[in-house]
Amino acid sequence: MATVNFSVPDEVKEAFNATFADANKSAIIAALMREAVEREQQRRESRAASARIRARRRHAPVRSVEELGAAREQGRS
């Protein structure tokens, strides 16, 4: 297991220690770090997916309102 060292504001440290006085603080920090990693990975994946969609839309054929309406009607039949 690795050891990490972070500087945090004193009030954050005090609030953390008070809130988790009887808990395994290392386990809590590890869980928070895992959550932060997952959240960032999801954010990056979401941005990449959005960029792919926007890129495809730039090359998508332009259709008129009439063409779209006809396609909708055809799809309903």
Protein backbone atom coordinates (compact mmCIF):
# COMPACT_ATOMS: atom_id res chain seq x y z
CA MET A 1 0.00 0.00 0.00
CA ALA A 2 1.29 3.45 -0.90
CA THR A 3 1.54 6.49 1.32
CA VAL A 4 0.46 9.89 0.00
CA ASN A 5 0.95 13.32 1.48
CA PHE A 6 -1.43 16.20 0.71
CA SER A 7 -1.65 19.68 2.12
CA VAL A 8 -5.15 20.80 3.00
CA PRO A 9 -6.48 23.88 4.76
CA ASP A 10 -6.51 23.53 8.54
CA GLU A 11 -10.30 23.95 8.72
CA VAL A 12 -10.77 21.05 6.28
CA LYS A 13 -8.48 18.82 8.32
CA GLU A 14 -10.23 19.76 11.56
CA ALA A 15 -13.70 19.18 10.09
CA PHE A 16 -12.62 15.85 8.60
CA ASN A 17 -11.09 14.67 11.86
CA ALA A 18 -14.15 15.76 13.84
CA THR A 19 -16.58 14.17 11.42
CA PHE A 20 -14.71 10.89 11.13
CA ALA A 21 -13.23 10.71 14.63
CA ASP A 22 -14.09 7.04 15.16
CA ALA A 23 -13.60 5.89 11.57
CA ASN A 24 -10.74 4.47 9.55
CA LYS A 25 -9.61 7.71 7.93
CA SER A 26 -7.29 5.97 5.48
CA ALA A 27 -10.17 3.88 4.17
CA ILE A 28 -12.35 6.98 3.84
CA ILE A 29 -9.67 8.88 1.94
CA ALA A 30 -9.06 5.87 -0.32
CA ALA A 31 -12.79 5.62 -1.08
CA LEU A 32 -12.98 9.35 -1.82
CA MET A 33 -9.99 9.09 -4.14
CA ARG A 34 -11.59 6.14 -5.97
CA GLU A 35 -14.80 8.15 -6.38
CA ALA A 36 -12.85 11.14 -7.69
CA VAL A 37 -11.01 8.96 -10.21
CA GLU A 38 -14.26 7.35 -11.40
CA ARG A 39 -15.98 10.74 -11.66
CA GLU A 40 -13.11 12.18 -13.70
CA GLN A 41 -12.97 9.14 -15.98
CA GLN A 42 -16.72 9.40 -16.59
CA ARG A 43 -16.39 13.13 -17.28
CA ARG A 44 -13.65 12.48 -19.82
CA GLU A 45 -15.61 9.67 -21.49
CA SER A 46 -18.67 11.90 -21.67
CA ARG A 47 -16.71 14.73 -23.26
CA ALA A 48 -15.14 12.35 -25.76
CA ALA A 49 -18.56 10.94 -26.68
CA SER A 50 -19.94 14.44 -27.08
CA ALA A 51 -17.01 15.38 -29.31
CA ARG A 52 -17.62 12.29 -31.47
CA ILE A 53 -21.30 13.17 -31.83
CA ARG A 54 -20.48 16.76 -32.78
CA ALA A 55 -17.92 15.55 -35.34
CA ARG A 56 -20.46 13.20 -36.93
CA ARG A 57 -23.06 15.96 -37.06
CA ARG A 58 -20.66 18.18 -39.01
CA HIS A 59 -20.59 15.55 -41.76
CA ALA A 60 -24.24 14.52 -41.59
CA PRO A 61 -26.38 15.35 -44.60
CA VAL A 62 -28.68 18.34 -44.22
CA ARG A 63 -32.35 17.45 -44.58
CA SER A 64 -35.28 19.78 -45.09
CA VAL A 65 -38.27 19.90 -42.80
CA GLU A 66 -40.31 18.27 -45.55
CA GLU A 67 -37.84 15.41 -45.92
CA LEU A 68 -37.82 14.81 -42.18
CA GLY A 69 -41.62 14.87 -42.04
CA ALA A 70 -41.85 12.39 -44.91
CA ALA A 71 -39.34 10.09 -43.22
CA ARG A 72 -41.36 10.23 -39.99
CA GLU A 73 -44.55 9.36 -41.82
CA GLN A 74 -42.84 6.53 -43.66
CA GLY A 75 -41.51 5.18 -40.37
CA ARG A 76 -45.01 5.15 -38.90
CA SER A 77 -46.40 3.02 -41.73
